[in-house]
Amino acid sequence: DPVKLGQDEVVLNIEGVKIFATHGHLYSAKTTLNRIYMRGNEENC
């Protein structure tokens, strides 16, 4: 995204369910889910 229209990550609360949303590139999502899982877990999502 050459123009940044949003945030790099966001925590949402929908109906009491916490959701962590990010693109994935900052957490090496192509090679492992551990880092993105740990970040979501850190936010209690």
ModelCIF file with pLDDT and N, C-alpha, C, O atoms, coordinates in Angstrom:
data_MODEL
#
_entry.id   MODEL 
#
_entity.id                         1 
_entity.type                       polymer 
_entity.pdbx_number_of_molecules   1 
#
_entity_poly.entity_id                      1 
_entity_poly.type                           'polypeptide(L)' 
_entity_poly.nstd_linkage                   no 
_entity_poly.nstd_monomer                   no 
_entity_poly.pdbx_seq_one_letter_code       DPVKLGQDEVVLNIEGVKIFATHGHLYSAKTTLNRIYMRGNEENC 
_entity_poly.pdbx_seq_one_letter_code_can   DPVKLGQDEVVLNIEGVKIFATHGHLYSAKTTLNRIYMRGNEENC 
_entity_poly.pdbx_strand_id                 A 
#
loop_
_entity_poly_seq.entity_id 
_entity_poly_seq.num 
_entity_poly_seq.mon_id 
_entity_poly_seq.hetero 
1 1  ASP n 
1 2  PRO n 
1 3  VAL n 
1 4  LYS n 
1 5  LEU n 
1 6  GLY n 
1 7  GLN n 
1 8  ASP n 
1 9  GLU n 
1 10 VAL n 
1 11 VAL n 
1 12 LEU n 
1 13 ASN n 
1 14 ILE n 
1 15 GLU n 
1 16 GLY n 
1 17 VAL n 
1 18 LYS n 
1 19 ILE n 
1 20 PHE n 
1 21 ALA n 
1 22 THR n 
1 23 HIS n 
1 24 GLY n 
1 25 HIS n 
1 26 LEU n 
1 27 TYR n 
1 28 SER n 
1 29 ALA n 
1 30 LYS n 
1 31 THR n 
1 32 THR n 
1 33 LEU n 
1 34 ASN n 
1 35 ARG n 
1 36 ILE n 
1 37 TYR n 
1 38 MET n 
1 39 ARG n 
1 40 GLY n 
1 41 ASN n 
1 42 GLU n 
1 43 GLU n 
1 44 ASN n 
1 45 CYS n 
#
_struct_asym.id          A 
_struct_asym.entity_id   1 
#
loop_
_ma_qa_metric.id 
_ma_qa_metric.mode 
_ma_qa_metric.name 
_ma_qa_metric.software_group_id 
_ma_qa_metric.type 
1 global pLDDT . pLDDT 
2 local  pLDDT . pLDDT 
#
_ma_qa_metric_global.metric_id      1 
_ma_qa_metric_global.metric_value   94.98 
_ma_qa_metric_global.model_id       1 
_ma_qa_metric_global.ordinal_id     1 
#
loop_
_ma_qa_metric_local.label_asym_id 
_ma_qa_metric_local.label_comp_id 
_ma_qa_metric_local.label_seq_id 
_ma_qa_metric_local.metric_id 
_ma_qa_metric_local.metric_value 
_ma_qa_metric_local.model_id 
_ma_qa_metric_local.ordinal_id 
A ASP 1  2 87.00 1 1  
A PRO 2  2 81.00 1 2  
A VAL 3  2 83.00 1 3  
A LYS 4  2 85.00 1 4  
A LEU 5  2 87.00 1 5  
A GLY 6  2 90.00 1 6  
A GLN 7  2 93.00 1 7  
A ASP 8  2 95.00 1 8  
A GLU 9  2 96.00 1 9  
A VAL 10 2 97.00 1 10 
A VAL 11 2 98.00 1 11 
A LEU 12 2 97.00 1 12 
A ASN 13 2 97.00 1 13 
A ILE 14 2 96.00 1 14 
A GLU 15 2 95.00 1 15 
A GLY 16 2 94.00 1 16 
A VAL 17 2 97.00 1 17 
A LYS 18 2 97.00 1 18 
A ILE 19 2 98.00 1 19 
A PHE 20 2 98.00 1 20 
A ALA 21 2 98.00 1 21 
A THR 22 2 97.00 1 22 
A HIS 23 2 97.00 1 23 
A GLY 24 2 96.00 1 24 
A HIS 25 2 96.00 1 25 
A LEU 26 2 96.00 1 26 
A TYR 27 2 96.00 1 27 
A SER 28 2 95.00 1 28 
A ALA 29 2 95.00 1 29 
A LYS 30 2 95.00 1 30 
A THR 31 2 96.00 1 31 
A THR 32 2 95.00 1 32 
A LEU 33 2 96.00 1 33 
A ASN 34 2 97.00 1 34 
A ARG 35 2 97.00 1 35 
A ILE 36 2 97.00 1 36 
A TYR 37 2 98.00 1 37 
A MET 38 2 97.00 1 38 
A ARG 39 2 97.00 1 39 
A GLY 40 2 97.00 1 40 
A ASN 41 2 97.00 1 41 
A GLU 42 2 97.00 1 42 
A GLU 43 2 97.00 1 43 
A ASN 44 2 97.00 1 44 
A CYS 45 2 97.00 1 45 
#
loop_
_atom_site.group_PDB 
_atom_site.id 
_atom_site.type_symbol 
_atom_site.label_atom_id 
_atom_site.label_alt_id 
_atom_site.label_comp_id 
_atom_site.label_asym_id 
_atom_site.label_entity_id 
_atom_site.label_seq_id 
_atom_site.pdbx_PDB_ins_code 
_atom_site.Cartn_x 
_atom_site.Cartn_y 
_atom_site.Cartn_z 
_atom_site.occupancy 
_atom_site.B_iso_or_equiv 
_atom_site.pdbx_formal_charge 
_atom_site.auth_seq_id 
_atom_site.auth_comp_id 
_atom_site.auth_asym_id 
_atom_site.auth_atom_id 
_atom_site.pdbx_PDB_model_num 
ATOM 1   N N  . ASP A 1 1  ? 0.844   -1.195  0.000  1.00 87.00 ? 1  ASP A N  1 
ATOM 2   C CA . ASP A 1 1  ? 0.000   0.000   0.000  1.00 87.00 ? 1  ASP A CA 1 
ATOM 3   C C  . ASP A 1 1  ? 0.880   1.246   0.000  1.00 87.00 ? 1  ASP A C  1 
ATOM 4   O O  . ASP A 1 1  ? 1.435   1.607   1.038  1.00 87.00 ? 1  ASP A O  1 
ATOM 5   N N  . PRO A 1 2  ? 1.016   1.913   -1.156 1.00 81.00 ? 2  PRO A N  1 
ATOM 6   C CA . PRO A 1 2  ? 1.865   3.107   -1.206 1.00 81.00 ? 2  PRO A CA 1 
ATOM 7   C C  . PRO A 1 2  ? 1.287   4.252   -0.372 1.00 81.00 ? 2  PRO A C  1 
ATOM 8   O O  . PRO A 1 2  ? 2.034   5.059   0.181  1.00 81.00 ? 2  PRO A O  1 
ATOM 9   N N  . VAL A 1 3  ? -0.029  4.317   -0.285 1.00 83.00 ? 3  VAL A N  1 
ATOM 10  C CA . VAL A 1 3  ? -0.708  5.314   0.544  1.00 83.00 ? 3  VAL A CA 1 
ATOM 11  C C  . VAL A 1 3  ? -1.323  4.568   1.722  1.00 83.00 ? 3  VAL A C  1 
ATOM 12  O O  . VAL A 1 3  ? -2.101  3.633   1.534  1.00 83.00 ? 3  VAL A O  1 
ATOM 13  N N  . LYS A 1 4  ? -0.977  4.979   2.916  1.00 85.00 ? 4  LYS A N  1 
ATOM 14  C CA . LYS A 1 4  ? -1.469  4.312   4.122  1.00 85.00 ? 4  LYS A CA 1 
ATOM 15  C C  . LYS A 1 4  ? -2.835  4.887   4.487  1.00 85.00 ? 4  LYS A C  1 
ATOM 16  O O  . LYS A 1 4  ? -2.943  6.023   4.949  1.00 85.00 ? 4  LYS A O  1 
ATOM 17  N N  . LEU A 1 5  ? -3.881  4.079   4.269  1.00 87.00 ? 5  LEU A N  1 
ATOM 18  C CA . LEU A 1 5  ? -5.251  4.521   4.520  1.00 87.00 ? 5  LEU A CA 1 
ATOM 19  C C  . LEU A 1 5  ? -5.768  4.104   5.888  1.00 87.00 ? 5  LEU A C  1 
ATOM 20  O O  . LEU A 1 5  ? -6.793  4.607   6.349  1.00 87.00 ? 5  LEU A O  1 
ATOM 21  N N  . GLY A 1 6  ? -5.063  3.186   6.536  1.00 90.00 ? 6  GLY A N  1 
ATOM 22  C CA . GLY A 1 6  ? -5.511  2.681   7.829  1.00 90.00 ? 6  GLY A CA 1 
ATOM 23  C C  . GLY A 1 6  ? -4.374  2.637   8.820  1.00 90.00 ? 6  GLY A C  1 
ATOM 24  O O  . GLY A 1 6  ? -3.461  3.462   8.789  1.00 90.00 ? 6  GLY A O  1 
ATOM 25  N N  . GLN A 1 7  ? -4.448  1.660   9.699  1.00 93.00 ? 7  GLN A N  1 
ATOM 26  C CA . GLN A 1 7  ? -3.416  1.432   10.699 1.00 93.00 ? 7  GLN A CA 1 
ATOM 27  C C  . GLN A 1 7  ? -2.692  0.135   10.369 1.00 93.00 ? 7  GLN A C  1 
ATOM 28  O O  . GLN A 1 7  ? -3.191  -0.676  9.590  1.00 93.00 ? 7  GLN A O  1 
ATOM 29  N N  . ASP A 1 8  ? -1.518  -0.063  10.959 1.00 95.00 ? 8  ASP A N  1 
ATOM 30  C CA . ASP A 1 8  ? -0.795  -1.311  10.726 1.00 95.00 ? 8  ASP A CA 1 
ATOM 31  C C  . ASP A 1 8  ? -1.465  -2.490  11.427 1.00 95.00 ? 8  ASP A C  1 
ATOM 32  O O  . ASP A 1 8  ? -1.377  -3.629  10.969 1.00 95.00 ? 8  ASP A O  1 
ATOM 33  N N  . GLU A 1 9  ? -2.123  -2.209  12.521 1.00 96.00 ? 9  GLU A N  1 
ATOM 34  C CA . GLU A 1 9  ? -2.875  -3.244  13.232 1.00 96.00 ? 9  GLU A CA 1 
ATOM 35  C C  . GLU A 1 9  ? -3.981  -2.563  14.014 1.00 96.00 ? 9  GLU A C  1 
ATOM 36  O O  . GLU A 1 9  ? -3.894  -1.378  14.337 1.00 96.00 ? 9  GLU A O  1 
ATOM 37  N N  . VAL A 1 10 ? -5.017  -3.322  14.313 1.00 97.00 ? 10 VAL A N  1 
ATOM 38  C CA . VAL A 1 10 ? -6.153  -2.775  15.051 1.00 97.00 ? 10 VAL A CA 1 
ATOM 39  C C  . VAL A 1 10 ? -6.735  -3.877  15.929 1.00 97.00 ? 10 VAL A C  1 
ATOM 40  O O  . VAL A 1 10 ? -6.737  -5.051  15.556 1.00 97.00 ? 10 VAL A O  1 
ATOM 41  N N  . VAL A 1 11 ? -7.224  -3.484  17.092 1.00 98.00 ? 11 VAL A N  1 
ATOM 42  C CA . VAL A 1 11 ? -7.951  -4.398  17.970 1.00 98.00 ? 11 VAL A CA 1 
ATOM 43  C C  . VAL A 1 11 ? -9.402  -3.929  17.994 1.00 98.00 ? 11 VAL A C  1 
ATOM 44  O O  . VAL A 1 11 ? -9.699  -2.787  18.346 1.00 98.00 ? 11 VAL A O  1 
ATOM 45  N N  . LEU A 1 12 ? -10.291 -4.831  17.613 1.00 97.00 ? 12 LEU A N  1 
ATOM 46  C CA . LEU A 1 12 ? -11.725 -4.537  17.570 1.00 97.00 ? 12 LEU A CA 1 
ATOM 47  C C  . LEU A 1 12 ? -12.430 -5.307  18.674 1.00 97.00 ? 12 LEU A C  1 
ATOM 48  O O  . LEU A 1 12 ? -11.956 -6.352  19.121 1.00 97.00 ? 12 LEU A O  1 
ATOM 49  N N  . ASN A 1 13 ? -13.557 -4.783  19.103 1.00 97.00 ? 13 ASN A N  1 
ATOM 50  C CA . ASN A 1 13 ? -14.413 -5.495  20.037 1.00 97.00 ? 13 ASN A CA 1 
ATOM 51  C C  . ASN A 1 13 ? -15.797 -5.532  19.410 1.00 97.00 ? 13 ASN A C  1 
ATOM 52  O O  . ASN A 1 13 ? -16.488 -4.516  19.348 1.00 97.00 ? 13 ASN A O  1 
ATOM 53  N N  . ILE A 1 14 ? -16.194 -6.706  18.945 1.00 96.00 ? 14 ILE A N  1 
ATOM 54  C CA . ILE A 1 14 ? -17.500 -6.872  18.314 1.00 96.00 ? 14 ILE A CA 1 
ATOM 55  C C  . ILE A 1 14 ? -18.290 -7.857  19.159 1.00 96.00 ? 14 ILE A C  1 
ATOM 56  O O  . ILE A 1 14 ? -17.911 -9.019  19.302 1.00 96.00 ? 14 ILE A O  1 
ATOM 57  N N  . GLU A 1 15 ? -19.390 -7.375  19.714 1.00 95.00 ? 15 GLU A N  1 
ATOM 58  C CA . GLU A 1 15 ? -20.257 -8.217  20.549 1.00 95.00 ? 15 GLU A CA 1 
ATOM 59  C C  . GLU A 1 15 ? -19.490 -8.847  21.710 1.00 95.00 ? 15 GLU A C  1 
ATOM 60  O O  . GLU A 1 15 ? -19.815 -9.954  22.139 1.00 95.00 ? 15 GLU A O  1 
ATOM 61  N N  . GLY A 1 16 ? -18.479 -8.153  22.219 1.00 94.00 ? 16 GLY A N  1 
ATOM 62  C CA . GLY A 1 16 ? -17.697 -8.679  23.325 1.00 94.00 ? 16 GLY A CA 1 
ATOM 63  C C  . GLY A 1 16 ? -16.560 -9.601  22.926 1.00 94.00 ? 16 GLY A C  1 
ATOM 64  O O  . GLY A 1 16 ? -15.830 -10.089 23.788 1.00 94.00 ? 16 GLY A O  1 
ATOM 65  N N  . VAL A 1 17 ? -16.397 -9.849  21.627 1.00 97.00 ? 17 VAL A N  1 
ATOM 66  C CA . VAL A 1 17 ? -15.306 -10.690 21.121 1.00 97.00 ? 17 VAL A CA 1 
ATOM 67  C C  . VAL A 1 17 ? -14.178 -9.770  20.664 1.00 97.00 ? 17 VAL A C  1 
ATOM 68  O O  . VAL A 1 17 ? -14.366 -8.938  19.776 1.00 97.00 ? 17 VAL A O  1 
ATOM 69  N N  . LYS A 1 18 ? -13.001 -9.926  21.281 1.00 97.00 ? 18 LYS A N  1 
ATOM 70  C CA . LYS A 1 18 ? -11.844 -9.114  20.882 1.00 97.00 ? 18 LYS A CA 1 
ATOM 71  C C  . LYS A 1 18 ? -11.168 -9.751  19.674 1.00 97.00 ? 18 LYS A C  1 
ATOM 72  O O  . LYS A 1 18 ? -10.919 -10.956 19.634 1.00 97.00 ? 18 LYS A O  1 
ATOM 73  N N  . ILE A 1 19 ? -10.877 -8.890  18.679 1.00 98.00 ? 19 ILE A N  1 
ATOM 74  C CA . ILE A 1 19 ? -10.317 -9.332  17.408 1.00 98.00 ? 19 ILE A CA 1 
ATOM 75  C C  . ILE A 1 19 ? -9.078  -8.499  17.102 1.00 98.00 ? 19 ILE A C  1 
ATOM 76  O O  . ILE A 1 19 ? -9.118  -7.269  17.133 1.00 98.00 ? 19 ILE A O  1 
ATOM 77  N N  . PHE A 1 20 ? -7.979  -9.187  16.807 1.00 98.00 ? 20 PHE A N  1 
ATOM 78  C CA . PHE A 1 20 ? -6.751  -8.528  16.373 1.00 98.00 ? 20 PHE A CA 1 
ATOM 79  C C  . PHE A 1 20 ? -6.672  -8.653  14.858 1.00 98.00 ? 20 PHE A C  1 
ATOM 80  O O  . PHE A 1 20 ? -6.760  -9.758  14.323 1.00 98.00 ? 20 PHE A O  1 
ATOM 81  N N  . ALA A 1 21 ? -6.506  -7.534  14.163 1.00 98.00 ? 21 ALA A N  1 
ATOM 82  C CA . ALA A 1 21 ? -6.437  -7.536  12.699 1.00 98.00 ? 21 ALA A CA 1 
ATOM 83  C C  . ALA A 1 21 ? -5.163  -6.833  12.233 1.00 98.00 ? 21 ALA A C  1 
ATOM 84  O O  . ALA A 1 21 ? -4.834  -5.742  12.698 1.00 98.00 ? 21 ALA A O  1 
ATOM 85  N N  . THR A 1 22 ? -4.457  -7.474  11.311 1.00 97.00 ? 22 THR A N  1 
ATOM 86  C CA . THR A 1 22 ? -3.233  -6.928  10.737 1.00 97.00 ? 22 THR A CA 1 
ATOM 87  C C  . THR A 1 22 ? -3.040  -7.558  9.362  1.00 97.00 ? 22 THR A C  1 
ATOM 88  O O  . THR A 1 22 ? -3.703  -8.541  9.032  1.00 97.00 ? 22 THR A O  1 
ATOM 89  N N  . HIS A 1 23 ? -2.154  -7.008  8.574  1.00 97.00 ? 23 HIS A N  1 
ATOM 90  C CA . HIS A 1 23 ? -1.906  -7.595  7.254  1.00 97.00 ? 23 HIS A CA 1 
ATOM 91  C C  . HIS A 1 23 ? -1.126  -8.905  7.364  1.00 97.00 ? 23 HIS A C  1 
ATOM 92  O O  . HIS A 1 23 ? -1.441  -9.877  6.678  1.00 97.00 ? 23 HIS A O  1 
ATOM 93  N N  . GLY A 1 24 ? -0.127  -8.928  8.210  1.00 96.00 ? 24 GLY A N  1 
ATOM 94  C CA . GLY A 1 24 ? 0.652   -10.153 8.411  1.00 96.00 ? 24 GLY A CA 1 
ATOM 95  C C  . GLY A 1 24 ? 2.124   -10.030 8.084  1.00 96.00 ? 24 GLY A C  1 
ATOM 96  O O  . GLY A 1 24 ? 2.941   -10.783 8.613  1.00 96.00 ? 24 GLY A O  1 
ATOM 97  N N  . HIS A 1 25 ? 2.472   -9.094  7.222  1.00 96.00 ? 25 HIS A N  1 
ATOM 98  C CA . HIS A 1 25 ? 3.881   -8.974  6.817  1.00 96.00 ? 25 HIS A CA 1 
ATOM 99  C C  . HIS A 1 25 ? 4.791   -8.567  7.975  1.00 96.00 ? 25 HIS A C  1 
ATOM 100 O O  . HIS A 1 25 ? 5.969   -8.925  7.978  1.00 96.00 ? 25 HIS A O  1 
ATOM 101 N N  . LEU A 1 26 ? 4.282   -7.841  8.942  1.00 96.00 ? 26 LEU A N  1 
ATOM 102 C CA . LEU A 1 26 ? 5.092   -7.422  10.090 1.00 96.00 ? 26 LEU A CA 1 
ATOM 103 C C  . LEU A 1 26 ? 5.323   -8.565  11.078 1.00 96.00 ? 26 LEU A C  1 
ATOM 104 O O  . LEU A 1 26 ? 6.116   -8.439  12.011 1.00 96.00 ? 26 LEU A O  1 
ATOM 105 N N  . TYR A 1 27 ? 4.625   -9.677  10.865 1.00 96.00 ? 27 TYR A N  1 
ATOM 106 C CA . TYR A 1 27 ? 4.710   -10.832 11.765 1.00 96.00 ? 27 TYR A CA 1 
ATOM 107 C C  . TYR A 1 27 ? 5.182   -12.098 11.046 1.00 96.00 ? 27 TYR A C  1 
ATOM 108 O O  . TYR A 1 27 ? 5.020   -13.200 11.571 1.00 96.00 ? 27 TYR A O  1 
ATOM 109 N N  . SER A 1 28 ? 5.757   -11.954 9.868  1.00 95.00 ? 28 SER A N  1 
ATOM 110 C CA . SER A 1 28 ? 6.293   -13.083 9.089  1.00 95.00 ? 28 SER A CA 1 
ATOM 111 C C  . SER A 1 28 ? 5.251   -14.171 8.836  1.00 95.00 ? 28 SER A C  1 
ATOM 112 O O  . SER A 1 28 ? 5.549   -15.361 8.942  1.00 95.00 ? 28 SER A O  1 
ATOM 113 N N  . ALA A 1 29 ? 4.027   -13.756 8.501  1.00 95.00 ? 29 ALA A N  1 
ATOM 114 C CA . ALA A 1 29 ? 2.915   -14.698 8.334  1.00 95.00 ? 29 ALA A CA 1 
ATOM 115 C C  . ALA A 1 29 ? 3.142   -15.722 7.217  1.00 95.00 ? 29 ALA A C  1 
ATOM 116 O O  . ALA A 1 29 ? 2.507   -16.776 7.213  1.00 95.00 ? 29 ALA A O  1 
ATOM 117 N N  . LYS A 1 30 ? 4.030   -15.428 6.282  1.00 95.00 ? 30 LYS A N  1 
ATOM 118 C CA . LYS A 1 30 ? 4.297   -16.395 5.213  1.00 95.00 ? 30 LYS A CA 1 
ATOM 119 C C  . LYS A 1 30 ? 5.116   -17.579 5.695  1.00 95.00 ? 30 LYS A C  1 
ATOM 120 O O  . LYS A 1 30 ? 5.133   -18.623 5.043  1.00 95.00 ? 30 LYS A O  1 
ATOM 121 N N  . THR A 1 31 ? 5.795   -17.433 6.827  1.00 96.00 ? 31 THR A N  1 
ATOM 122 C CA . THR A 1 31 ? 6.660   -18.521 7.307  1.00 96.00 ? 31 THR A CA 1 
ATOM 123 C C  . THR A 1 31 ? 6.209   -19.134 8.626  1.00 96.00 ? 31 THR A C  1 
ATOM 124 O O  . THR A 1 31 ? 6.489   -20.302 8.894  1.00 96.00 ? 31 THR A O  1 
ATOM 125 N N  . THR A 1 32 ? 5.508   -18.351 9.457  1.00 95.00 ? 32 THR A N  1 
ATOM 126 C CA . THR A 1 32 ? 5.068   -18.869 10.756 1.00 95.00 ? 32 THR A CA 1 
ATOM 127 C C  . THR A 1 32 ? 3.850   -18.090 11.241 1.00 95.00 ? 32 THR A C  1 
ATOM 128 O O  . THR A 1 32 ? 3.687   -16.913 10.919 1.00 95.00 ? 32 THR A O  1 
ATOM 129 N N  . LEU A 1 33 ? 3.006   -18.750 12.012 1.00 96.00 ? 33 LEU A N  1 
ATOM 130 C CA . LEU A 1 33 ? 1.876   -18.062 12.632 1.00 96.00 ? 33 LEU A CA 1 
ATOM 131 C C  . LEU A 1 33 ? 2.151   -17.749 14.101 1.00 96.00 ? 33 LEU A C  1 
ATOM 132 O O  . LEU A 1 33 ? 1.335   -17.104 14.761 1.00 96.00 ? 33 LEU A O  1 
ATOM 133 N N  . ASN A 1 34 ? 3.290   -18.200 14.613 1.00 97.00 ? 34 ASN A N  1 
ATOM 134 C CA . ASN A 1 34 ? 3.596   -18.032 16.035 1.00 97.00 ? 34 ASN A CA 1 
ATOM 135 C C  . ASN A 1 34 ? 3.626   -16.565 16.451 1.00 97.00 ? 34 ASN A C  1 
ATOM 136 O O  . ASN A 1 34 ? 3.054   -16.207 17.480 1.00 97.00 ? 34 ASN A O  1 
ATOM 137 N N  . ARG A 1 35 ? 4.275   -15.721 15.676 1.00 97.00 ? 35 ARG A N  1 
ATOM 138 C CA . ARG A 1 35 ? 4.408   -14.315 16.058 1.00 97.00 ? 35 ARG A CA 1 
ATOM 139 C C  . ARG A 1 35 ? 3.072   -13.583 16.035 1.00 97.00 ? 35 ARG A C  1 
ATOM 140 O O  . ARG A 1 35 ? 2.787   -12.773 16.916 1.00 97.00 ? 35 ARG A O  1 
ATOM 141 N N  . ILE A 1 36 ? 2.260   -13.868 15.033 1.00 97.00 ? 36 ILE A N  1 
ATOM 142 C CA . ILE A 1 36 ? 0.967   -13.192 14.947 1.00 97.00 ? 36 ILE A CA 1 
ATOM 143 C C  . ILE A 1 36 ? 0.015   -13.718 16.030 1.00 97.00 ? 36 ILE A C  1 
ATOM 144 O O  . ILE A 1 36 ? -0.791  -12.966 16.578 1.00 97.00 ? 36 ILE A O  1 
ATOM 145 N N  . TYR A 1 37 ? 0.120   -15.012 16.327 1.00 98.00 ? 37 TYR A N  1 
ATOM 146 C CA . TYR A 1 37 ? -0.662  -15.586 17.424 1.00 98.00 ? 37 TYR A CA 1 
ATOM 147 C C  . TYR A 1 37 ? -0.266  -14.917 18.740 1.00 98.00 ? 37 TYR A C  1 
ATOM 148 O O  . TYR A 1 37 ? -1.133  -14.501 19.509 1.00 98.00 ? 37 TYR A O  1 
ATOM 149 N N  . MET A 1 38 ? 1.041   -14.812 19.003 1.00 97.00 ? 38 MET A N  1 
ATOM 150 C CA . MET A 1 38 ? 1.505   -14.223 20.264 1.00 97.00 ? 38 MET A CA 1 
ATOM 151 C C  . MET A 1 38 ? 1.029   -12.782 20.409 1.00 97.00 ? 38 MET A C  1 
ATOM 152 O O  . MET A 1 38 ? 0.661   -12.355 21.504 1.00 97.00 ? 38 MET A O  1 
ATOM 153 N N  . ARG A 1 39 ? 1.035   -12.029 19.304 1.00 97.00 ? 39 ARG A N  1 
ATOM 154 C CA . ARG A 1 39 ? 0.566   -10.631 19.369 1.00 97.00 ? 39 ARG A CA 1 
ATOM 155 C C  . ARG A 1 39 ? -0.922  -10.572 19.684 1.00 97.00 ? 39 ARG A C  1 
ATOM 156 O O  . ARG A 1 39 ? -1.343  -9.771  20.518 1.00 97.00 ? 39 ARG A O  1 
ATOM 157 N N  . GLY A 1 40 ? -1.717  -11.402 19.036 1.00 97.00 ? 40 GLY A N  1 
ATOM 158 C CA . GLY A 1 40 ? -3.150  -11.442 19.326 1.00 97.00 ? 40 GLY A CA 1 
ATOM 159 C C  . GLY A 1 40 ? -3.418  -11.884 20.755 1.00 97.00 ? 40 GLY A C  1 
ATOM 160 O O  . GLY A 1 40 ? -4.277  -11.319 21.431 1.00 97.00 ? 40 GLY A O  1 
ATOM 161 N N  . ASN A 1 41 ? -2.695  -12.881 21.213 1.00 97.00 ? 41 ASN A N  1 
ATOM 162 C CA . ASN A 1 41 ? -2.840  -13.383 22.571 1.00 97.00 ? 41 ASN A CA 1 
ATOM 163 C C  . ASN A 1 41 ? -2.442  -12.312 23.587 1.00 97.00 ? 41 ASN A C  1 
ATOM 164 O O  . ASN A 1 41 ? -3.074  -12.176 24.635 1.00 97.00 ? 41 ASN A O  1 
ATOM 165 N N  . GLU A 1 42 ? -1.391  -11.553 23.269 1.00 97.00 ? 42 GLU A N  1 
ATOM 166 C CA . GLU A 1 42 ? -0.941  -10.455 24.126 1.00 97.00 ? 42 GLU A CA 1 
ATOM 167 C C  . GLU A 1 42 ? -2.050  -9.421  24.318 1.00 97.00 ? 42 GLU A C  1 
ATOM 168 O O  . GLU A 1 42 ? -2.161  -8.812  25.382 1.00 97.00 ? 42 GLU A O  1 
ATOM 169 N N  . GLU A 1 43 ? -2.861  -9.230  23.292 1.00 97.00 ? 43 GLU A N  1 
ATOM 170 C CA . GLU A 1 43 ? -3.985  -8.287  23.351 1.00 97.00 ? 43 GLU A CA 1 
ATOM 171 C C  . GLU A 1 43 ? -5.262  -8.939  23.900 1.00 97.00 ? 43 GLU A C  1 
ATOM 172 O O  . GLU A 1 43 ? -6.327  -8.322  23.911 1.00 97.00 ? 43 GLU A O  1 
ATOM 173 N N  . ASN A 1 44 ? -5.140  -10.194 24.355 1.00 97.00 ? 44 ASN A N  1 
ATOM 174 C CA . ASN A 1 44 ? -6.288  -10.957 24.886 1.00 97.00 ? 44 ASN A CA 1 
ATOM 175 C C  . ASN A 1 44 ? -7.397  -11.123 23.853 1.00 97.00 ? 44 ASN A C  1 
ATOM 176 O O  . ASN A 1 44 ? -8.581  -11.074 24.189 1.00 97.00 ? 44 ASN A O  1 
ATOM 177 N N  . CYS A 1 45 ? -7.009  -11.320 22.600 1.00 97.00 ? 45 CYS A N  1 
ATOM 178 C CA . CYS A 1 45 ? -7.968  -11.493 21.519 1.00 97.00 ? 45 CYS A CA 1 
ATOM 179 C C  . CYS A 1 45 ? -8.268  -12.972 21.303 1.00 97.00 ? 45 CYS A C  1 
ATOM 180 O O  . CYS A 1 45 ? -9.060  -13.319 20.427 1.00 97.00 ? 45 CYS A O  1 
#
